[in-house]
Amino acid sequence: MADKGYTVLEFDGSIDDTPYPNHPNIHFYKAFVGVSDDASTISLARILAESKLDPSAHNILQCDIENAEWEILDAIVMQDLLAFAQIIFEFHGCDPDDLQGSILRLRVLEKLREHFTPIHTHYNNCAGICLGVIDSIAYPFCHSLEISYLRNDLVPSDARLVSGLASIALDSPCSANKADIPVIFPNPTPKS
């Protein structure tokens, strides 16, 4: 994205410096992203307030924050995310056997869906997989999902759901040593 002219604000408390120290469009901050501020963490709400994004620009938020995304998104005011045309999350801990975690995750996903439409899903093949059974058919499911969203007002009126096995150039295994996990959803039953 930085090579395409986007300004990139990179927050990562787990490394000392960006892997791209000489890139003029990448601004590195040694901090974790969380719900509240402390010595090593900055809140997503503060980042959004201080960055003064132009909501008419094509701003993109990409987060891979190792399971902190659920608490952050549960606490944030969703309207604060409307400055972004796209948001991309790697969602961790998607274990359907974890009832309490599933309740939180579903609540967060419902909040997101009010303002954003998922446009692409990819499973992270570094995470655990399981099988979900729907109508006696087993479908692979992954504990970490990479999901790209588009703000609802930008979704074309003629957009349609593409379901089933569909791999595009964007899809590639997160770990080259493991096979990619296909994303297969059952075709939705038409409502009568």
Protein backbone atom coordinates (compact mmCIF):
# COMPACT_ATOMS: atom_id res chain seq x y z
CA MET A 1 0.00 0.00 0.00
CA ALA A 2 2.84 2.37 0.82
CA ASP A 3 4.32 1.76 -2.64
CA LYS A 4 0.99 2.87 -4.13
CA GLY A 5 1.21 6.23 -2.33
CA TYR A 6 -0.82 5.49 0.78
CA THR A 7 0.42 6.82 4.10
CA VAL A 8 0.84 3.83 6.40
CA LEU A 9 0.70 4.19 10.18
CA GLU A 10 2.30 1.03 11.53
CA PHE A 11 1.80 0.16 15.20
CA ASP A 12 3.65 -2.83 16.60
CA GLY A 13 4.96 -3.20 20.14
CA SER A 14 6.57 -6.56 19.44
CA ILE A 15 9.38 -5.25 17.22
CA ASP A 16 11.92 -2.46 17.68
CA ASP A 17 11.51 -0.92 14.24
CA THR A 18 9.63 -1.30 11.01
CA PRO A 19 10.96 -3.79 8.45
CA TYR A 20 10.78 -0.82 6.02
CA PRO A 21 12.83 1.89 7.80
CA ASN A 22 13.60 3.89 4.67
CA HIS A 23 10.12 4.01 3.17
CA PRO A 24 8.83 7.61 3.13
CA ASN A 25 5.16 6.56 3.42
CA ILE A 26 5.53 4.28 6.45
CA HIS A 27 5.42 5.82 9.91
CA PHE A 28 6.29 3.35 12.65
CA TYR A 29 5.10 3.51 16.27
CA LYS A 30 6.44 1.01 18.78
CA ALA A 31 3.16 0.33 20.56
CA PHE A 32 0.55 -2.36 20.80
CA VAL A 33 -3.02 -1.44 19.87
CA GLY A 34 -5.60 -2.02 22.59
CA VAL A 35 -8.72 -0.75 24.30
CA SER A 36 -6.92 1.75 26.54
CA ASP A 37 -3.60 3.57 26.70
CA ASP A 38 -0.68 2.57 28.90
CA ALA A 39 3.12 2.57 28.64
CA SER A 40 3.21 0.04 25.79
CA THR A 41 -0.31 0.32 24.32
CA ILE A 42 -2.29 2.92 22.41
CA SER A 43 -6.05 2.67 22.00
CA LEU A 44 -7.55 2.36 18.55
CA ALA A 45 -9.95 5.17 19.50
CA ARG A 46 -6.96 7.47 20.19
CA ILE A 47 -5.26 6.51 16.93
CA LEU A 48 -8.43 7.37 15.02
CA ALA A 49 -8.92 10.67 16.88
CA GLU A 50 -5.32 11.80 16.41
CA SER A 51 -4.90 10.72 12.79
CA LYS A 52 -7.64 13.11 11.59
CA LEU A 53 -8.50 10.99 8.58
CA ASP A 54 -10.30 12.57 5.65
CA PRO A 55 -13.48 10.46 5.44
CA SER A 56 -13.76 11.19 1.70
CA ALA A 57 -10.37 9.53 1.07
CA HIS A 58 -10.01 5.81 0.49
CA ASN A 59 -8.65 5.04 3.96
CA ILE A 60 -7.91 1.42 4.83
CA LEU A 61 -7.60 -0.06 8.32
CA GLN A 62 -5.74 -3.35 8.51
CA CYS A 63 -5.42 -5.11 11.87
CA ASP A 64 -3.61 -8.27 12.88
CA ILE A 65 -3.50 -7.83 16.64
CA GLU A 66 -3.39 -11.40 17.88
CA ASN A 67 -6.83 -11.83 19.47
CA ALA A 68 -7.06 -8.29 20.90
CA GLU A 69 -9.39 -7.33 18.03
CA TRP A 70 -12.48 -8.71 19.75
CA GLU A 71 -12.17 -6.60 22.90
CA ILE A 72 -11.21 -3.50 20.90
CA LEU A 73 -14.10 -3.82 18.45
CA ASP A 74 -16.52 -4.59 21.25
CA ALA A 75 -15.53 -1.35 23.02
CA ILE A 76 -15.20 1.00 20.03
CA VAL A 77 -17.96 3.23 18.71
CA MET A 78 -18.52 1.79 15.25
CA GLN A 79 -19.18 5.23 13.73
CA ASP A 80 -15.49 5.96 14.40
CA LEU A 81 -14.62 3.34 11.77
CA LEU A 82 -16.69 5.06 9.07
CA ALA A 83 -13.62 7.10 8.07
CA PHE A 84 -12.42 3.87 6.43
CA ALA A 85 -13.65 2.70 3.04
CA GLN A 86 -12.17 -0.71 3.77
CA ILE A 87 -11.27 -2.57 6.92
CA ILE A 88 -9.28 -5.78 6.96
CA PHE A 89 -9.02 -7.96 10.04
CA GLU A 90 -7.32 -11.18 10.88
CA PHE A 91 -9.75 -12.58 13.40
CA HIS A 92 -8.14 -14.97 15.90
CA GLY A 93 -9.59 -17.44 18.37
CA CYS A 94 -12.59 -18.44 16.24
CA ASP A 95 -13.14 -21.69 18.06
CA PRO A 96 -16.82 -22.66 17.75
CA ASP A 97 -16.48 -24.87 20.85
CA ASP A 98 -15.72 -21.78 22.99
CA LEU A 99 -19.26 -20.66 23.87
CA GLN A 100 -18.37 -17.46 25.77
CA GLY A 101 -15.85 -16.44 23.12
CA SER A 102 -18.36 -17.18 20.37
CA ILE A 103 -20.95 -14.93 22.03
CA LEU A 104 -18.45 -12.04 22.04
CA ARG A 105 -17.31 -12.72 18.47
CA LEU A 106 -20.87 -12.88 17.12
CA ARG A 107 -21.77 -9.63 18.91
CA VAL A 108 -18.74 -7.89 17.37
CA LEU A 109 -19.43 -9.29 13.89
CA GLU A 110 -23.05 -8.11 14.10
CA LYS A 111 -21.84 -4.60 15.06
CA LEU A 112 -19.44 -4.58 12.11
CA ARG A 113 -22.12 -5.78 9.70
CA GLU A 114 -24.28 -2.74 10.49
CA HIS A 115 -21.73 -0.55 8.67
CA PHE A 116 -19.52 -2.90 6.62
CA THR A 117 -20.05 -5.77 4.20
CA PRO A 118 -17.60 -8.67 4.04
CA ILE A 119 -16.18 -8.86 0.51
CA HIS A 120 -13.47 -11.50 0.91
CA THR A 121 -12.65 -14.28 3.35
CA HIS A 122 -9.47 -16.32 3.59
CA TYR A 123 -8.49 -18.89 6.19
CA ASN A 124 -5.08 -18.63 7.84
CA ASN A 125 -3.56 -22.08 7.41
CA CYS A 126 -1.21 -21.50 10.38
CA ALA A 127 -4.19 -21.79 12.74
CA GLY A 128 -6.20 -24.79 13.84
CA ILE A 129 -8.95 -26.16 11.65
CA CYS A 130 -12.15 -27.97 12.46
CA LEU A 131 -15.21 -29.19 10.62
CA GLY A 132 -18.61 -27.60 10.92
CA VAL A 133 -21.61 -29.70 9.98
CA ILE A 134 -24.53 -28.00 8.24
CA ASP A 135 -27.39 -30.14 6.90
CA SER A 136 -25.27 -33.30 7.33
CA ILE A 137 -22.42 -31.87 5.23
CA ALA A 138 -19.02 -31.19 6.82
CA TYR A 139 -17.36 -27.89 5.90
CA PRO A 140 -13.79 -26.91 6.87
CA PHE A 141 -13.52 -24.00 9.28
CA CYS A 142 -10.43 -22.26 10.60
CA HIS A 143 -9.67 -20.67 13.97
CA SER A 144 -8.12 -17.62 12.26
CA LEU A 145 -9.91 -15.85 9.44
CA GLU A 146 -8.75 -12.96 7.29
CA ILE A 147 -11.80 -10.93 6.31
CA SER A 148 -11.91 -7.83 4.12
CA TYR A 149 -14.87 -5.48 4.48
CA LEU A 150 -16.21 -2.62 2.38
CA ARG A 151 -18.22 0.19 3.94
CA ASN A 152 -21.90 -0.44 3.17
CA ASP A 153 -22.46 2.80 1.25
CA LEU A 154 -19.72 1.76 -1.22
CA VAL A 155 -21.19 -1.66 -2.04
CA PRO A 156 -22.63 -1.54 -5.57
CA SER A 157 -26.40 -2.01 -5.69
CA ASP A 158 -25.98 -4.92 -8.12
CA ALA A 159 -23.43 -6.76 -5.95
CA ARG A 160 -24.27 -10.39 -5.37
CA LEU A 161 -23.07 -13.06 -2.99
CA VAL A 162 -20.57 -15.51 -4.41
CA SER A 163 -20.67 -18.67 -2.39
CA GLY A 164 -18.82 -21.93 -2.67
CA LEU A 165 -15.20 -22.61 -3.47
CA ALA A 166 -13.72 -19.53 -5.10
CA SER A 167 -10.02 -18.80 -5.05
CA ILE A 168 -8.65 -15.55 -6.44
CA ALA A 169 -5.14 -14.19 -6.91
CA LEU A 170 -5.37 -12.58 -3.48
CA ASP A 171 -5.55 -16.04 -1.91
CA SER A 172 -2.32 -17.74 -1.03
CA PRO A 173 -1.34 -19.89 1.93
CA CYS A 174 -0.12 -17.92 4.96
CA SER A 175 2.40 -20.71 5.48
CA ALA A 176 3.98 -22.04 2.30
CA ASN A 177 4.70 -25.32 4.14
CA LYS A 178 0.99 -26.13 4.50
CA ALA A 179 -1.83 -26.51 2.03
CA ASP A 180 -4.25 -23.63 1.78
CA ILE A 181 -7.63 -24.26 3.41
CA PRO A 182 -10.55 -23.77 1.03
CA VAL A 183 -13.33 -21.47 2.14
CA ILE A 184 -16.56 -23.29 1.37
CA PHE A 185 -19.91 -21.95 2.49
CA PRO A 186 -23.18 -23.69 1.77
CA ASN A 187 -25.34 -21.91 -0.77
CA PRO A 188 -27.97 -19.94 1.10
CA THR A 189 -31.50 -21.23 0.89
CA PRO A 190 -33.70 -18.68 -0.90
CA LYS A 191 -36.30 -17.13 1.39
CA SER A 192 -39.86 -17.78 0.29
